């Protein structure tokens, strides 16, 4: 007779939401610093970020580049996901996250727009992304994405050409999908009528790793955007 072994269930931490909400990065950085018991001066010394910059970010007077957030997170010995969702349930059986339409963490730049759903869960085995491909020109080779892991793309609407450093471009239309090694540099171009919308699921260790090649990524007032500005 077959017996079934019970799986240990870990309840989400008290106060963690089951529905993703919008994110404001400044107060989250301040809370993470206070939980560590550090002053601004101590965080500035350990992260290498100017105290004035940290103060402006915490008080919502300035945006924070992705590099700045990662440097602060590393100094505090927490992950980027822990900064964005400090009370999110850690990896355990029985987890669930619901993201209402348009309530994910949004960011974008001239080529793509992203929305990260299920941001209230940290240390996920997969990173889901909703992507809108806007560009109709192939971005410079230096801007192509490359990150450890594997990626699955499903085109929901529109049509795109997928360019990679190993293969020739391939056209993907609504209903088409592709699974590939995401260490292979890649880029997407919209070739249909209107914007192209797709679902991307990445097997990557973290958001830090996923967007590490984008030095111009910024987090500002609850949104993550790309620009060339300096802190």
C-alpha atoms as a PDB file:
ATOM      1  CA  UNK A   1       0.000   0.000   0.000  1.00  0.00           C
ATOM      2  CA  UNK A   2       1.389   3.373  -1.002  1.00  0.00           C
ATOM      3  CA  UNK A   3       1.820   5.928   1.764  1.00  0.00           C
ATOM      4  CA  UNK A   4       2.062   9.619   1.128  1.00  0.00           C
ATOM      5  CA  UNK A   5       4.586  11.724   2.982  1.00  0.00           C
ATOM      6  CA  UNK A   6       3.172  14.932   4.354  1.00  0.00           C
ATOM      7  CA  UNK A   7       4.699  18.122   3.019  1.00  0.00           C
ATOM      8  CA  UNK A   8       5.651  20.690   5.577  1.00  0.00           C
ATOM      9  CA  UNK A   9       3.712  23.895   5.059  1.00  0.00           C
ATOM     10  CA  UNK A  10       5.098  27.259   6.027  1.00  0.00           C
ATOM     11  CA  UNK A  11       2.547  29.990   6.453  1.00  0.00           C
ATOM     12  CA  UNK A  12       3.310  33.400   4.929  1.00  0.00           C
ATOM     13  CA  UNK A  13       4.693  35.908   7.377  1.00  0.00           C
ATOM     14  CA  UNK A  14       2.032  37.887   9.215  1.00  0.00           C
ATOM     15  CA  UNK A  15       1.198  41.091   7.411  1.00  0.00           C
ATOM     16  CA  UNK A  16       2.403  39.939   3.998  1.00  0.00           C
ATOM     17  CA  UNK A  17      -0.074  40.727   1.250  1.00  0.00           C
ATOM     18  CA  UNK A  18      -1.554  38.181  -1.098  1.00  0.00           C
ATOM     19  CA  UNK A  19      -2.121  40.816  -3.763  1.00  0.00           C
ATOM     20  CA  UNK A  20       0.822  42.743  -5.200  1.00  0.00           C
ATOM     21  CA  UNK A  21       0.786  46.475  -4.545  1.00  0.00           C
ATOM     22  CA  UNK A  22       2.766  49.338  -6.042  1.00  0.00           C
ATOM     23  CA  UNK A  23       6.267  49.968  -4.743  1.00  0.00           C
ATOM     24  CA  UNK A  24       7.923  53.115  -3.362  1.00  0.00           C
ATOM     25  CA  UNK A  25      11.644  52.471  -3.095  1.00  0.00           C
ATOM     26  CA  UNK A  26      12.716  55.282  -0.717  1.00  0.00           C
ATOM     27  CA  UNK A  27      10.803  54.191   2.413  1.00  0.00           C
ATOM     28  CA  UNK A  28      11.751  50.570   1.722  1.00  0.00           C
ATOM     29  CA  UNK A  29      15.446  51.464   1.719  1.00  0.00           C
ATOM     30  CA  UNK A  30      14.985  53.464   4.908  1.00  0.00           C
ATOM     31  CA  UNK A  31      13.169  50.577   6.601  1.00  0.00           C
ATOM     32  CA  UNK A  32      15.879  48.123   5.563  1.00  0.00           C
ATOM     33  CA  UNK A  33      18.557  50.415   6.984  1.00  0.00           C
ATOM     34  CA  UNK A  34      16.697  50.858  10.279  1.00  0.00           C
ATOM     35  CA  UNK A  35      16.154  47.109  10.641  1.00  0.00           C
ATOM     36  CA  UNK A  36      19.918  46.772  10.420  1.00  0.00           C
ATOM     37  CA  UNK A  37      20.290  49.470  13.077  1.00  0.00           C
ATOM     38  CA  UNK A  38      22.496  51.601  10.862  1.00  0.00           C
ATOM     39  CA  UNK A  39      22.717  55.368  10.472  1.00  0.00           C
ATOM     40  CA  UNK A  40      22.881  57.022   7.078  1.00  0.00           C
ATOM     41  CA  UNK A  41      26.569  57.629   7.680  1.00  0.00           C
ATOM     42  CA  UNK A  42      27.221  53.938   8.313  1.00  0.00           C
ATOM     43  CA  UNK A  43      25.253  52.842   5.259  1.00  0.00           C
ATOM     44  CA  UNK A  44      27.039  55.408   3.127  1.00  0.00           C
ATOM     45  CA  UNK A  45      30.430  54.189   4.330  1.00  0.00           C
ATOM     46  CA  UNK A  46      29.635  50.496   3.733  1.00  0.00           C
ATOM     47  CA  UNK A  47      27.828  50.947   0.391  1.00  0.00           C
ATOM     48  CA  UNK A  48      29.983  53.671  -1.124  1.00  0.00           C
ATOM     49  CA  UNK A  49      26.880  55.769  -1.860  1.00  0.00           C
ATOM     50  CA  UNK A  50      27.016  59.434  -0.830  1.00  0.00           C
ATOM     51  CA  UNK A  51      25.074  60.249   2.355  1.00  0.00           C
ATOM     52  CA  UNK A  52      23.291  63.126   0.622  1.00  0.00           C
ATOM     53  CA  UNK A  53      22.162  60.802  -2.148  1.00  0.00           C
ATOM     54  CA  UNK A  54      20.881  58.243   0.362  1.00  0.00           C
ATOM     55  CA  UNK A  55      18.985  60.914   2.284  1.00  0.00           C
ATOM     56  CA  UNK A  56      17.296  62.249  -0.869  1.00  0.00           C
ATOM     57  CA  UNK A  57      16.295  58.743  -1.963  1.00  0.00           C
ATOM     58  CA  UNK A  58      14.857  57.818   1.438  1.00  0.00           C
ATOM     59  CA  UNK A  59      12.829  61.034   1.541  1.00  0.00           C
ATOM     60  CA  UNK A  60      11.502  60.659  -2.002  1.00  0.00           C
ATOM     61  CA  UNK A  61      13.392  63.696  -3.309  1.00  0.00           C
ATOM     62  CA  UNK A  62      15.495  61.698  -5.773  1.00  0.00           C
ATOM     63  CA  UNK A  63      15.303  58.520  -7.775  1.00  0.00           C
ATOM     64  CA  UNK A  64      17.723  55.649  -7.259  1.00  0.00           C
ATOM     65  CA  UNK A  65      19.665  53.960 -10.027  1.00  0.00           C
ATOM     66  CA  UNK A  66      19.505  50.185 -10.152  1.00  0.00           C
ATOM     67  CA  UNK A  67      23.218  50.109  -9.357  1.00  0.00           C
ATOM     68  CA  UNK A  68      22.635  52.237  -6.250  1.00  0.00           C
ATOM     69  CA  UNK A  69      19.843  49.994  -4.963  1.00  0.00           C
ATOM     70  CA  UNK A  70      21.978  46.891  -5.522  1.00  0.00           C
ATOM     71  CA  UNK A  71      24.966  48.473  -3.723  1.00  0.00           C
ATOM     72  CA  UNK A  72      22.751  49.361  -0.761  1.00  0.00           C
ATOM     73  CA  UNK A  73      21.191  45.886  -0.727  1.00  0.00           C
ATOM     74  CA  UNK A  74      24.613  44.222  -0.748  1.00  0.00           C
ATOM     75  CA  UNK A  75      25.844  46.459   2.055  1.00  0.00           C
ATOM     76  CA  UNK A  76      22.749  45.528   4.091  1.00  0.00           C
ATOM     77  CA  UNK A  77      23.268  41.859   3.146  1.00  0.00           C
ATOM     78  CA  UNK A  78      19.798  41.486   1.626  1.00  0.00           C
ATOM     79  CA  UNK A  79      18.667  40.794  -1.941  1.00  0.00           C
ATOM     80  CA  UNK A  80      17.102  43.286  -4.344  1.00  0.00           C
ATOM     81  CA  UNK A  81      13.818  41.370  -3.960  1.00  0.00           C
ATOM     82  CA  UNK A  82      14.030  41.730  -0.169  1.00  0.00           C
ATOM     83  CA  UNK A  83      14.307  45.499  -0.620  1.00  0.00           C
ATOM     84  CA  UNK A  84      11.239  45.608  -2.892  1.00  0.00           C
ATOM     85  CA  UNK A  85       9.179  43.183  -0.792  1.00  0.00           C
ATOM     86  CA  UNK A  86      10.616  42.943   2.748  1.00  0.00           C
ATOM     87  CA  UNK A  87       7.558  41.167   4.147  1.00  0.00           C
ATOM     88  CA  UNK A  88       7.031  38.812   1.237  1.00  0.00           C
ATOM     89  CA  UNK A  89       6.847  35.108   2.137  1.00  0.00           C
ATOM     90  CA  UNK A  90      10.104  33.258   1.545  1.00  0.00           C
ATOM     91  CA  UNK A  91      10.264  30.088  -0.551  1.00  0.00           C
ATOM     92  CA  UNK A  92       7.923  27.470   0.882  1.00  0.00           C
ATOM     93  CA  UNK A  93       5.246  25.054  -0.226  1.00  0.00           C
ATOM     94  CA  UNK A  94       1.713  26.337  -0.593  1.00  0.00           C
ATOM     95  CA  UNK A  95       2.698  29.867  -1.676  1.00  0.00           C
ATOM     96  CA  UNK A  96       0.395  31.947  -3.838  1.00  0.00           C
ATOM     97  CA  UNK A  97       0.496  35.472  -5.206  1.00  0.00           C
ATOM     98  CA  UNK A  98      -2.172  37.417  -7.057  1.00  0.00           C
ATOM     99  CA  UNK A  99      -1.441  40.503  -9.131  1.00  0.00           C
ATOM    100  CA  UNK A 100      -4.417  42.517 -10.333  1.00  0.00           C
ATOM    101  CA  UNK A 101      -4.347  44.003 -13.812  1.00  0.00           C
ATOM    102  CA  UNK A 102      -1.833  46.831 -14.036  1.00  0.00           C
ATOM    103  CA  UNK A 103      -0.634  46.469 -10.417  1.00  0.00           C
ATOM    104  CA  UNK A 104       2.805  44.959 -11.046  1.00  0.00           C
ATOM    105  CA  UNK A 105       6.083  46.861 -10.747  1.00  0.00           C
ATOM    106  CA  UNK A 106       6.447  48.769 -14.009  1.00  0.00           C
ATOM    107  CA  UNK A 107       9.509  50.057 -15.774  1.00  0.00           C
ATOM    108  CA  UNK A 108      10.615  50.697 -19.290  1.00  0.00           C
ATOM    109  CA  UNK A 109      12.848  52.517 -21.728  1.00  0.00           C
ATOM    110  CA  UNK A 110      12.832  53.366 -25.430  1.00  0.00           C
ATOM    111  CA  UNK A 111      12.782  49.771 -26.597  1.00  0.00           C
ATOM    112  CA  UNK A 112      10.701  47.705 -24.159  1.00  0.00           C
ATOM    113  CA  UNK A 113       8.233  48.204 -21.327  1.00  0.00           C
ATOM    114  CA  UNK A 114       8.043  45.688 -18.489  1.00  0.00           C
ATOM    115  CA  UNK A 115       5.673  44.795 -15.683  1.00  0.00           C
ATOM    116  CA  UNK A 116       6.769  42.422 -12.912  1.00  0.00           C
ATOM    117  CA  UNK A 117       3.773  40.605 -11.404  1.00  0.00           C
ATOM    118  CA  UNK A 118       3.735  38.689  -8.112  1.00  0.00           C
ATOM    119  CA  UNK A 119       6.278  41.057  -6.584  1.00  0.00           C
ATOM    120  CA  UNK A 120       5.100  40.197  -3.062  1.00  0.00           C
ATOM    121  CA  UNK A 121       6.857  36.815  -3.327  1.00  0.00           C
ATOM    122  CA  UNK A 122      10.626  36.820  -2.972  1.00  0.00           C
ATOM    123  CA  UNK A 123      13.171  34.167  -3.946  1.00  0.00           C
ATOM    124  CA  UNK A 124      10.944  32.791  -6.651  1.00  0.00           C
ATOM    125  CA  UNK A 125      12.190  29.895  -8.768  1.00  0.00           C
ATOM    126  CA  UNK A 126      11.032  31.807 -11.859  1.00  0.00           C
ATOM    127  CA  UNK A 127      10.780  35.503 -12.727  1.00  0.00           C
ATOM    128  CA  UNK A 128       7.666  36.304 -14.779  1.00  0.00           C
ATOM    129  CA  UNK A 129       7.676  39.456 -16.907  1.00  0.00           C
ATOM    130  CA  UNK A 130       4.932  41.020 -18.994  1.00  0.00           C
ATOM    131  CA  UNK A 131       6.653  42.787 -21.872  1.00  0.00           C
ATOM    132  CA  UNK A 132       5.534  45.301 -24.459  1.00  0.00           C
ATOM    133  CA  UNK A 133       7.935  45.560 -27.396  1.00  0.00           C
ATOM    134  CA  UNK A 134       7.823  49.097 -28.776  1.00  0.00           C
ATOM    135  CA  UNK A 135      10.979  49.484 -30.826  1.00  0.00           C
ATOM    136  CA  UNK A 136      10.890  48.994 -34.578  1.00  0.00           C
ATOM    137  CA  UNK A 137      14.651  49.311 -34.883  1.00  0.00           C
ATOM    138  CA  UNK A 138      17.248  46.840 -33.662  1.00  0.00           C
ATOM    139  CA  UNK A 139      18.960  48.303 -30.609  1.00  0.00           C
ATOM    140  CA  UNK A 140      22.763  48.699 -30.576  1.00  0.00           C
ATOM    141  CA  UNK A 141      24.592  45.450 -29.904  1.00  0.00           C
ATOM    142  CA  UNK A 142      25.872  46.846 -26.604  1.00  0.00           C
ATOM    143  CA  UNK A 143      22.244  47.089 -25.384  1.00  0.00           C
ATOM    144  CA  UNK A 144      21.312  43.475 -26.117  1.00  0.00           C
ATOM    145  CA  UNK A 145      20.356  41.555 -23.007  1.00  0.00           C
ATOM    146  CA  UNK A 146      22.314  38.640 -21.591  1.00  0.00           C
ATOM    147  CA  UNK A 147      21.719  37.069 -18.194  1.00  0.00           C
ATOM    148  CA  UNK A 148      22.394  33.668 -16.577  1.00  0.00           C
ATOM    149  CA  UNK A 149      19.626  31.109 -16.835  1.00  0.00           C
ATOM    150  CA  UNK A 150      17.013  30.216 -19.416  1.00  0.00           C
ATOM    151  CA  UNK A 151      14.011  32.100 -20.775  1.00  0.00           C
ATOM    152  CA  UNK A 152      10.626  31.247 -22.256  1.00  0.00           C
ATOM    153  CA  UNK A 153       8.733  33.796 -24.361  1.00  0.00           C
ATOM    154  CA  UNK A 154       5.109  33.519 -25.495  1.00  0.00           C
ATOM    155  CA  UNK A 155       3.779  36.150 -27.883  1.00  0.00           C
ATOM    156  CA  UNK A 156       0.285  37.202 -26.804  1.00  0.00           C
ATOM    157  CA  UNK A 157      -0.368  39.761 -29.548  1.00  0.00           C
ATOM    158  CA  UNK A 158       1.510  41.394 -32.396  1.00  0.00           C
ATOM    159  CA  UNK A 159       4.682  40.100 -34.046  1.00  0.00           C
ATOM    160  CA  UNK A 160       8.387  40.362 -33.217  1.00  0.00           C
ATOM    161  CA  UNK A 161      11.748  39.348 -34.630  1.00  0.00           C
ATOM    162  CA  UNK A 162      14.034  37.666 -32.090  1.00  0.00           C
ATOM    163  CA  UNK A 163      17.732  38.369 -32.714  1.00  0.00           C
ATOM    164  CA  UNK A 164      20.452  36.367 -30.956  1.00  0.00           C
ATOM    165  CA  UNK A 165      24.233  36.290 -31.154  1.00  0.00           C
ATOM    166  CA  UNK A 166      24.240  32.636 -32.283  1.00  0.00           C
ATOM    167  CA  UNK A 167      21.236  32.300 -34.617  1.00  0.00           C
ATOM    168  CA  UNK A 168      19.769  34.392 -37.404  1.00  0.00           C
ATOM    169  CA  UNK A 169      16.639  36.430 -36.626  1.00  0.00           C
ATOM    170  CA  UNK A 170      13.377  34.488 -36.315  1.00  0.00           C
ATOM    171  CA  UNK A 171       9.846  35.892 -36.552  1.00  0.00           C
ATOM    172  CA  UNK A 172       7.378  35.132 -33.753  1.00  0.00           C
ATOM    173  CA  UNK A 173       3.690  35.932 -34.118  1.00  0.00           C
ATOM    174  CA  UNK A 174       0.728  35.713 -31.727  1.00  0.00           C
ATOM    175  CA  UNK A 175       0.585  32.181 -30.306  1.00  0.00           C
ATOM    176  CA  UNK A 176       4.250  31.421 -31.100  1.00  0.00           C
ATOM    177  CA  UNK A 177       6.778  30.763 -28.350  1.00  0.00           C
ATOM    178  CA  UNK A 178      10.488  30.158 -27.895  1.00  0.00           C
ATOM    179  CA  UNK A 179      12.683  28.702 -25.128  1.00  0.00           C
ATOM    180  CA  UNK A 180      16.364  29.632 -25.173  1.00  0.00           C
ATOM    181  CA  UNK A 181      19.604  30.032 -23.249  1.00  0.00           C
ATOM    182  CA  UNK A 182      19.400  33.600 -21.970  1.00  0.00           C
ATOM    183  CA  UNK A 183      23.180  33.886 -21.571  1.00  0.00           C
ATOM    184  CA  UNK A 184      23.103  34.176 -25.360  1.00  0.00           C
ATOM    185  CA  UNK A 185      22.811  37.904 -26.052  1.00  0.00           C
ATOM    186  CA  UNK A 186      19.379  38.676 -27.485  1.00  0.00           C
ATOM    187  CA  UNK A 187      17.115  41.498 -28.600  1.00  0.00           C
ATOM    188  CA  UNK A 188      13.557  41.900 -29.885  1.00  0.00           C
ATOM    189  CA  UNK A 189      12.119  44.127 -32.611  1.00  0.00           C
ATOM    190  CA  UNK A 190       8.432  44.877 -33.190  1.00  0.00           C
ATOM    191  CA  UNK A 191       7.467  44.035 -36.782  1.00  0.00           C
ATOM    192  CA  UNK A 192       3.648  44.024 -36.489  1.00  0.00           C
ATOM    193  CA  UNK A 193       0.872  46.588 -36.345  1.00  0.00           C
ATOM    194  CA  UNK A 194       0.829  48.378 -32.996  1.00  0.00           C
ATOM    195  CA  UNK A 195       2.765  47.306 -29.929  1.00  0.00           C
ATOM    196  CA  UNK A 196       3.673  43.644 -29.428  1.00  0.00           C
ATOM    197  CA  UNK A 197       2.739  42.100 -26.078  1.00  0.00           C
ATOM    198  CA  UNK A 198       4.377  38.964 -24.672  1.00  0.00           C
ATOM    199  CA  UNK A 199       4.893  36.927 -21.540  1.00  0.00           C
ATOM    200  CA  UNK A 200       8.486  36.153 -20.591  1.00  0.00           C
ATOM    201  CA  UNK A 201       9.369  33.641 -17.880  1.00  0.00           C
ATOM    202  CA  UNK A 202      12.997  33.643 -16.784  1.00  0.00           C
ATOM    203  CA  UNK A 203      14.865  31.037 -14.785  1.00  0.00           C
ATOM    204  CA  UNK A 204      17.276  33.411 -13.099  1.00  0.00           C
ATOM    205  CA  UNK A 205      18.604  33.659  -9.554  1.00  0.00           C
ATOM    206  CA  UNK A 206      17.287  37.173  -8.942  1.00  0.00           C
ATOM    207  CA  UNK A 207      16.200  40.477 -10.440  1.00  0.00           C
ATOM    208  CA  UNK A 208      19.726  41.730  -9.690  1.00  0.00           C
ATOM    209  CA  UNK A 209      21.110  39.053 -11.995  1.00  0.00           C
ATOM    210  CA  UNK A 210      18.396  39.468 -14.613  1.00  0.00           C
ATOM    211  CA  UNK A 211      18.990  43.192 -15.154  1.00  0.00           C
ATOM    212  CA  UNK A 212      22.667  43.385 -14.198  1.00  0.00           C
ATOM    213  CA  UNK A 213      23.672  44.419 -17.729  1.00  0.00           C
ATOM    214  CA  UNK A 214      21.418  47.502 -17.611  1.00  0.00           C
ATOM    215  CA  UNK A 215      23.537  50.135 -15.865  1.00  0.00           C
ATOM    216  CA  UNK A 216      20.975  52.850 -16.679  1.00  0.00           C
ATOM    217  CA  UNK A 217      18.072  51.188 -14.860  1.00  0.00           C
ATOM    218  CA  UNK A 218      16.528  53.480 -12.273  1.00  0.00           C
ATOM    219  CA  UNK A 219      13.918  53.021  -9.570  1.00  0.00           C
ATOM    220  CA  UNK A 220      11.882  56.169  -8.953  1.00  0.00           C
ATOM    221  CA  UNK A 221       8.604  56.832  -7.132  1.00  0.00           C
ATOM    222  CA  UNK A 222       7.393  53.270  -7.315  1.00  0.00           C
ATOM    223  CA  UNK A 223       8.428  52.687 -10.927  1.00  0.00           C
ATOM    224  CA  UNK A 224      11.636  51.337 -12.426  1.00  0.00           C
ATOM    225  CA  UNK A 225      12.774  53.211 -15.511  1.00  0.00           C
ATOM    226  CA  UNK A 226      15.778  53.373 -17.825  1.00  0.00           C
ATOM    227  CA  UNK A 227      17.642  56.580 -18.428  1.00  0.00           C
ATOM    228  CA  UNK A 228      21.132  57.984 -18.590  1.00  0.00           C
ATOM    229  CA  UNK A 229      20.853  60.198 -15.528  1.00  0.00           C
ATOM    230  CA  UNK A 230      23.192  60.226 -12.601  1.00  0.00           C
ATOM    231  CA  UNK A 231      22.209  60.149  -8.926  1.00  0.00           C
END
